[in-house]
C-alpha atoms as a PDB file:
ATOM      1  CA  MET A   1     -21.664   6.713  -4.567  1.00  0.00           C
ATOM      2  CA  TYR A   2     -22.728   4.510  -1.633  1.00  0.00           C
ATOM      3  CA  GLU A   3     -23.489   5.801   1.839  1.00  0.00           C
ATOM      4  CA  GLY A   4     -21.058   5.821   4.726  1.00  0.00           C
ATOM      5  CA  PRO A   5     -18.661   2.935   5.705  1.00  0.00           C
ATOM      6  CA  VAL A   6     -19.356   1.045   2.376  1.00  0.00           C
ATOM      7  CA  GLN A   7     -18.112   3.898   0.182  1.00  0.00           C
ATOM      8  CA  ASP A   8     -15.274   4.316   2.562  1.00  0.00           C
ATOM      9  CA  LEU A   9     -14.456   0.788   2.296  1.00  0.00           C
ATOM     10  CA  ILE A  10     -14.509   1.059  -1.604  1.00  0.00           C
ATOM     11  CA  ASP A  11     -12.365   4.192  -1.496  1.00  0.00           C
ATOM     12  CA  GLU A  12      -9.707   2.387   0.475  1.00  0.00           C
ATOM     13  CA  LEU A  13      -9.793  -0.599  -1.526  1.00  0.00           C
ATOM     14  CA  GLY A  14      -9.345   1.426  -4.679  1.00  0.00           C
ATOM     15  CA  LYS A  15      -6.121   3.016  -3.475  1.00  0.00           C
ATOM     16  CA  LEU A  16      -4.369  -0.651  -3.586  1.00  0.00           C
ATOM     17  CA  PRO A  17      -2.380  -1.107  -6.543  1.00  0.00           C
ATOM     18  CA  GLY A  18      -4.138  -3.016  -9.543  1.00  0.00           C
ATOM     19  CA  ILE A  19      -7.562  -2.381  -8.070  1.00  0.00           C
ATOM     20  CA  GLY A  20      -9.812  -0.021 -10.081  1.00  0.00           C
ATOM     21  CA  PRO A  21     -13.088   1.271  -9.044  1.00  0.00           C
ATOM     22  CA  LYS A  22     -15.201  -1.699 -10.191  1.00  0.00           C
ATOM     23  CA  SER A  23     -12.770  -4.136  -8.548  1.00  0.00           C
ATOM     24  CA  ALA A  24     -12.844  -2.202  -5.261  1.00  0.00           C
ATOM     25  CA  GLN A  25     -16.622  -2.304  -5.287  1.00  0.00           C
ATOM     26  CA  ARG A  26     -16.832  -5.891  -6.077  1.00  0.00           C
ATOM     27  CA  ILE A  27     -14.352  -6.900  -3.189  1.00  0.00           C
ATOM     28  CA  ALA A  28     -16.351  -4.563  -0.878  1.00  0.00           C
ATOM     29  CA  PHE A  29     -19.668  -6.097  -1.640  1.00  0.00           C
ATOM     30  CA  HIS A  30     -17.911  -9.593  -1.323  1.00  0.00           C
ATOM     31  CA  LEU A  31     -16.500  -8.740   2.098  1.00  0.00           C
ATOM     32  CA  LEU A  32     -20.118  -7.497   3.120  1.00  0.00           C
ATOM     33  CA  SER A  33     -21.486 -11.148   2.311  1.00  0.00           C
ATOM     34  CA  LEU A  34     -18.898 -12.767   4.694  1.00  0.00           C
ATOM     35  CA  GLU A  35     -19.546 -14.081   7.881  1.00  0.00           C
ATOM     36  CA  PRO A  36     -18.428 -12.252  10.934  1.00  0.00           C
ATOM     37  CA  PRO A  37     -15.547 -14.992  11.793  1.00  0.00           C
ATOM     38  CA  GLU A  38     -14.051 -14.588   8.349  1.00  0.00           C
ATOM     39  CA  ILE A  39     -14.148 -10.567   8.737  1.00  0.00           C
ATOM     40  CA  ASP A  40     -12.137 -11.321  12.089  1.00  0.00           C
ATOM     41  CA  ARG A  41      -9.650 -13.417  10.480  1.00  0.00           C
ATOM     42  CA  LEU A  42      -8.932 -10.600   7.596  1.00  0.00           C
ATOM     43  CA  GLN A  43      -8.930  -8.056  10.281  1.00  0.00           C
ATOM     44  CA  ALA A  44      -6.412 -10.227  12.345  1.00  0.00           C
ATOM     45  CA  ALA A  45      -4.123 -10.745   9.400  1.00  0.00           C
ATOM     46  CA  LEU A  46      -4.118  -6.978   8.624  1.00  0.00           C
ATOM     47  CA  GLN A  47      -3.309  -6.226  12.195  1.00  0.00           C
ATOM     48  CA  GLN A  48      -0.430  -8.686  12.094  1.00  0.00           C
ATOM     49  CA  VAL A  49       1.046  -7.008   8.953  1.00  0.00           C
ATOM     50  CA  ARG A  50       0.908  -3.764  10.635  1.00  0.00           C
ATOM     51  CA  ASP A  51       2.250  -4.872  13.749  1.00  0.00           C
ATOM     52  CA  GLY A  52       4.373  -7.731  13.364  1.00  0.00           C
ATOM     53  CA  VAL A  53       6.158  -7.537   9.859  1.00  0.00           C
ATOM     54  CA  ARG A  54       9.527  -6.029  10.063  1.00  0.00           C
ATOM     55  CA  PHE A  55      12.322  -5.557   7.615  1.00  0.00           C
ATOM     56  CA  CYS A  56      15.535  -7.817   7.556  1.00  0.00           C
ATOM     57  CA  GLU A  57      18.473  -5.833   9.256  1.00  0.00           C
ATOM     58  CA  VAL A  58      20.634  -7.284   6.544  1.00  0.00           C
ATOM     59  CA  CYS A  59      19.053  -7.427   3.132  1.00  0.00           C
ATOM     60  CA  GLY A  60      15.811  -5.332   3.505  1.00  0.00           C
ATOM     61  CA  THR A  61      13.264  -7.927   2.860  1.00  0.00           C
ATOM     62  CA  VAL A  62      10.193  -8.368   4.841  1.00  0.00           C
ATOM     63  CA  SER A  63      10.500 -10.588   7.722  1.00  0.00           C
ATOM     64  CA  ASP A  64       9.154 -11.447  11.217  1.00  0.00           C
ATOM     65  CA  GLN A  65      12.449 -11.482  12.829  1.00  0.00           C
ATOM     66  CA  GLU A  66      15.571  -9.367  12.846  1.00  0.00           C
ATOM     67  CA  ARG A  67      17.053 -11.242  10.059  1.00  0.00           C
ATOM     68  CA  CYS A  68      15.179 -13.163   7.324  1.00  0.00           C
ATOM     69  CA  ARG A  69      15.556 -16.902   6.826  1.00  0.00           C
ATOM     70  CA  ILE A  70      17.852 -16.365   3.687  1.00  0.00           C
ATOM     71  CA  CYS A  71      20.464 -14.061   5.551  1.00  0.00           C
ATOM     72  CA  SER A  72      20.091 -16.553   8.846  1.00  0.00           C
ATOM     73  CA  ASP A  73      20.925 -19.516   6.540  1.00  0.00           C
ATOM     74  CA  PRO A  74      24.528 -20.650   6.765  1.00  0.00           C
ATOM     75  CA  ARG A  75      24.375 -22.529   3.754  1.00  0.00           C
ATOM     76  CA  ARG A  76      23.692 -19.623   1.416  1.00  0.00           C
ATOM     77  CA  ASP A  77      26.781 -18.232  -0.673  1.00  0.00           C
ATOM     78  CA  ARG A  78      28.025 -15.075   1.020  1.00  0.00           C
ATOM     79  CA  THR A  79      30.215 -14.307  -1.855  1.00  0.00           C
ATOM     80  CA  GLN A  80      27.369 -13.416  -3.850  1.00  0.00           C
ATOM     81  CA  ILE A  81      24.796 -10.687  -3.565  1.00  0.00           C
ATOM     82  CA  CYS A  82      21.574 -10.154  -5.740  1.00  0.00           C
ATOM     83  CA  VAL A  83      20.354  -6.576  -5.890  1.00  0.00           C
ATOM     84  CA  VAL A  84      16.625  -6.312  -6.484  1.00  0.00           C
ATOM     85  CA  GLU A  85      13.874  -3.578  -6.194  1.00  0.00           C
ATOM     86  CA  GLU A  86      11.347  -5.143  -4.000  1.00  0.00           C
ATOM     87  CA  PRO A  87      10.772  -8.137  -1.607  1.00  0.00           C
ATOM     88  CA  LYS A  88       8.459  -9.673  -4.207  1.00  0.00           C
ATOM     89  CA  ASP A  89      11.559  -9.873  -6.509  1.00  0.00           C
ATOM     90  CA  VAL A  90      13.269 -11.846  -3.964  1.00  0.00           C
ATOM     91  CA  GLN A  91      10.500 -14.618  -4.051  1.00  0.00           C
ATOM     92  CA  ALA A  92      10.440 -14.561  -7.919  1.00  0.00           C
ATOM     93  CA  ILE A  93      14.236 -15.347  -8.072  1.00  0.00           C
ATOM     94  CA  GLU A  94      13.773 -17.955  -5.146  1.00  0.00           C
ATOM     95  CA  ARG A  95      11.275 -19.809  -7.164  1.00  0.00           C
ATOM     96  CA  THR A  96      14.038 -20.603 -10.049  1.00  0.00           C
ATOM     97  CA  ARG A  97      16.040 -22.356  -7.458  1.00  0.00           C
ATOM     98  CA  GLU A  98      19.119 -21.246  -9.449  1.00  0.00           C
ATOM     99  CA  PHE A  99      20.549 -18.788  -7.013  1.00  0.00           C
ATOM    100  CA  ARG A 100      22.250 -19.739  -3.930  1.00  0.00           C
ATOM    101  CA  GLY A 101      23.677 -16.479  -2.771  1.00  0.00           C
ATOM    102  CA  ARG A 102      22.142 -13.651  -0.520  1.00  0.00           C
ATOM    103  CA  TYR A 103      19.849 -10.611  -1.559  1.00  0.00           C
ATOM    104  CA  HIS A 104      19.775  -6.926  -1.070  1.00  0.00           C
ATOM    105  CA  VAL A 105      16.498  -5.026  -1.503  1.00  0.00           C
ATOM    106  CA  LEU A 106      16.860  -1.288  -2.535  1.00  0.00           C
ATOM    107  CA  GLY A 107      13.170  -0.493  -1.663  1.00  0.00           C
ATOM    108  CA  GLY A 108      12.479   0.632  -5.288  1.00  0.00           C
ATOM    109  CA  ALA A 109      14.121   2.361  -8.198  1.00  0.00           C
ATOM    110  CA  LEU A 110      15.501   5.690  -9.083  1.00  0.00           C
ATOM    111  CA  ASP A 111      12.765   7.899 -10.352  1.00  0.00           C
ATOM    112  CA  PRO A 112      13.673  11.496 -10.195  1.00  0.00           C
ATOM    113  CA  LEU A 113      10.373  12.565 -11.670  1.00  0.00           C
ATOM    114  CA  SER A 114       8.631  11.095  -8.294  1.00  0.00           C
ATOM    115  CA  GLY A 115      11.427  12.273  -6.216  1.00  0.00           C
ATOM    116  CA  ILE A 116      13.167   9.183  -5.580  1.00  0.00           C
ATOM    117  CA  GLY A 117      16.847   9.472  -5.720  1.00  0.00           C
ATOM    118  CA  PRO A 118      19.850   7.571  -4.413  1.00  0.00           C
ATOM    119  CA  ASP A 119      19.067   8.820  -0.706  1.00  0.00           C
ATOM    120  CA  GLN A 120      15.536   7.286  -0.814  1.00  0.00           C
ATOM    121  CA  LEU A 121      16.938   3.725  -1.658  1.00  0.00           C
ATOM    122  CA  ARG A 122      19.160   1.226   0.436  1.00  0.00           C
ATOM    123  CA  ILE A 123      22.144   2.033  -1.715  1.00  0.00           C
ATOM    124  CA  ARG A 124      24.243   3.194   1.075  1.00  0.00           C
ATOM    125  CA  GLU A 125      23.646  -0.139   3.101  1.00  0.00           C
ATOM    126  CA  LEU A 126      24.678  -2.036   0.280  1.00  0.00           C
ATOM    127  CA  LEU A 127      27.980  -0.262  -0.344  1.00  0.00           C
ATOM    128  CA  THR A 128      28.588  -0.862   3.301  1.00  0.00           C
ATOM    129  CA  ARG A 129      27.754  -4.484   3.253  1.00  0.00           C
ATOM    130  CA  ILE A 130      30.177  -4.910   0.278  1.00  0.00           C
ATOM    131  CA  GLY A 131      33.103  -2.839   2.027  1.00  0.00           C
ATOM    132  CA  ASN A 132      32.588  -4.783   5.138  1.00  0.00           C
ATOM    133  CA  GLN A 133      33.269  -8.555   5.347  1.00  0.00           C
ATOM    134  CA  GLU A 134      30.263 -10.506   5.941  1.00  0.00           C
ATOM    135  CA  ASP A 135      31.131 -13.125   8.508  1.00  0.00           C
ATOM    136  CA  GLY A 136      34.743 -12.836   7.460  1.00  0.00           C
ATOM    137  CA  VAL A 137      33.950 -13.390   3.722  1.00  0.00           C
ATOM    138  CA  ASP A 138      34.489 -10.976   0.922  1.00  0.00           C
ATOM    139  CA  VAL A 139      31.766 -10.396  -1.527  1.00  0.00           C
ATOM    140  CA  ALA A 140      33.065 -11.290  -4.962  1.00  0.00           C
ATOM    141  CA  GLU A 141      29.909 -10.713  -7.196  1.00  0.00           C
ATOM    142  CA  VAL A 142      27.005  -8.399  -7.153  1.00  0.00           C
ATOM    143  CA  ILE A 143      24.209  -9.513  -9.646  1.00  0.00           C
ATOM    144  CA  ILE A 144      21.924  -6.489 -10.479  1.00  0.00           C
ATOM    145  CA  ALA A 145      18.465  -7.653 -11.000  1.00  0.00           C
ATOM    146  CA  THR A 146      16.384  -4.492 -11.377  1.00  0.00           C
ATOM    147  CA  ASP A 147      13.685  -4.383 -13.456  1.00  0.00           C
ATOM    148  CA  PRO A 148      14.167  -4.031 -17.340  1.00  0.00           C
ATOM    149  CA  ASN A 149      12.368  -0.667 -17.684  1.00  0.00           C
ATOM    150  CA  THR A 150      13.541   3.037 -17.677  1.00  0.00           C
ATOM    151  CA  GLU A 151      13.879   3.250 -13.772  1.00  0.00           C
ATOM    152  CA  GLY A 152      15.532  -0.163 -13.484  1.00  0.00           C
ATOM    153  CA  GLU A 153      18.044   0.641 -16.096  1.00  0.00           C
ATOM    154  CA  ALA A 154      18.856   4.014 -14.527  1.00  0.00           C
ATOM    155  CA  THR A 155      19.251   2.200 -11.102  1.00  0.00           C
ATOM    156  CA  ALA A 156      21.489  -0.441 -12.584  1.00  0.00           C
ATOM    157  CA  THR A 157      23.712   2.337 -14.266  1.00  0.00           C
ATOM    158  CA  TYR A 158      23.904   4.217 -11.116  1.00  0.00           C
ATOM    159  CA  LEU A 159      24.870   1.008  -9.014  1.00  0.00           C
ATOM    160  CA  VAL A 160      27.618   0.189 -11.711  1.00  0.00           C
ATOM    161  CA  ARG A 161      29.096   3.468 -11.293  1.00  0.00           C
ATOM    162  CA  MET A 162      29.257   3.023  -7.541  1.00  0.00           C
ATOM    163  CA  LEU A 163      30.545  -0.227  -7.476  1.00  0.00           C
ATOM    164  CA  ARG A 164      33.377  -0.022  -9.917  1.00  0.00           C
ATOM    165  CA  ASP A 165      35.781   1.058  -7.436  1.00  0.00           C
ATOM    166  CA  PHE A 166      35.704  -1.965  -5.195  1.00  0.00           C
ATOM    167  CA  PRO A 167      38.832  -4.025  -5.888  1.00  0.00           C
ATOM    168  CA  GLY A 168      38.167  -7.745  -7.206  1.00  0.00           C
ATOM    169  CA  LEU A 169      34.289  -7.286  -7.303  1.00  0.00           C
ATOM    170  CA  THR A 170      32.553  -8.613 -10.391  1.00  0.00           C
ATOM    171  CA  VAL A 171      29.364  -6.826 -11.188  1.00  0.00           C
ATOM    172  CA  THR A 172      26.792  -8.482 -13.529  1.00  0.00           C
ATOM    173  CA  ARG A 173      23.371  -7.926 -14.787  1.00  0.00           C
ATOM    174  CA  LEU A 174      20.522 -10.275 -15.304  1.00  0.00           C
ATOM    175  CA  ALA A 175      20.258 -11.145 -19.122  1.00  0.00           C
ATOM    176  CA  SER A 176      17.326  -9.816 -21.003  1.00  0.00           C
ATOM    177  CA  GLY A 177      15.896 -10.861 -24.226  1.00  0.00           C
ATOM    178  CA  LEU A 178      13.481 -13.378 -25.775  1.00  0.00           C
ATOM    179  CA  PRO A 179      11.099 -15.283 -23.652  1.00  0.00           C
ATOM    180  CA  MET A 180      11.038 -19.111 -23.937  1.00  0.00           C
ATOM    181  CA  GLY A 181       8.311 -20.080 -26.425  1.00  0.00           C
ATOM    182  CA  GLY A 182       8.210 -16.667 -28.152  1.00  0.00           C
ATOM    183  CA  ASP A 183       8.291 -15.969 -31.888  1.00  0.00           C
ATOM    184  CA  LEU A 184      11.047 -13.471 -33.445  1.00  0.00           C
ATOM    185  CA  GLU A 185       8.761 -11.845 -35.632  1.00  0.00           C
ATOM    186  CA  PHE A 186       6.621 -10.634 -32.452  1.00  0.00           C
ATOM    187  CA  ALA A 187       9.562  -9.275 -30.627  1.00  0.00           C
ATOM    188  CA  ASP A 188      10.046  -5.624 -30.251  1.00  0.00           C
ATOM    189  CA  GLU A 189      13.231  -3.983 -31.355  1.00  0.00           C
ATOM    190  CA  LEU A 190      14.552  -3.279 -27.858  1.00  0.00           C
ATOM    191  CA  THR A 191      13.955  -6.926 -26.719  1.00  0.00           C
ATOM    192  CA  LEU A 192      15.638  -8.399 -29.847  1.00  0.00           C
ATOM    193  CA  GLY A 193      18.476  -6.021 -29.667  1.00  0.00           C
ATOM    194  CA  ARG A 194      19.228  -6.993 -25.988  1.00  0.00           C
ATOM    195  CA  ALA A 195      19.086 -10.742 -27.026  1.00  0.00           C
ATOM    196  CA  LEU A 196      21.653 -10.171 -29.693  1.00  0.00           C
ATOM    197  CA  SER A 197      23.875  -8.348 -27.621  1.00  0.00           C
ATOM    198  CA  GLY A 198      23.445 -10.861 -24.688  1.00  0.00           C
ATOM    199  CA  ARG A 199      24.057 -13.900 -26.941  1.00  0.00           C
ATOM    200  CA  ARG A 200      26.307 -16.717 -25.642  1.00  0.00           C
ATOM    201  CA  THR A 201      28.535 -19.253 -26.896  1.00  0.00           C
ATOM    202  CA  LEU A 202      26.990 -22.764 -27.229  1.00  0.00           C
END
């Protein structure tokens, strides 16, 4: 235990995801070694995050405007919506350069043990988006891209139930299975089973 502000800084850093006590201590002492202008820049960046970041009124991702750049882009396909859990998932899919539609960020996944139910997620907003024509265009496909874990699967199953009543709407799920460069012998049964059930014709 250190005294005063140093320990307070270590405690606050330790609350960040992926930062354990030792990492928090290393970061705190690194910050102590910085010059005042570098500390000021970090402080200004944190202030901007607190005061300047908002969430897109359409899809729910982080933005500095009322609408994010993807929702504002008229070249994006308005007939497709890719549903993800968090804003970071939008960036992961964007890096593939394979998807040209729009997104919907739920803000998490269903997790009853942690008290996260449908009302805590942006599911109602998704249903409203699909029910109302967006700029006069009907949504034709919803791609569910939640994480392939227990919470993500529960969320996907719930969304499929909610979306099945929309006429003419196709609901798809990201394929899951074997990673490129992987060996069959090292794949677990669940991953291999998913790969088999999701096989496609060549």
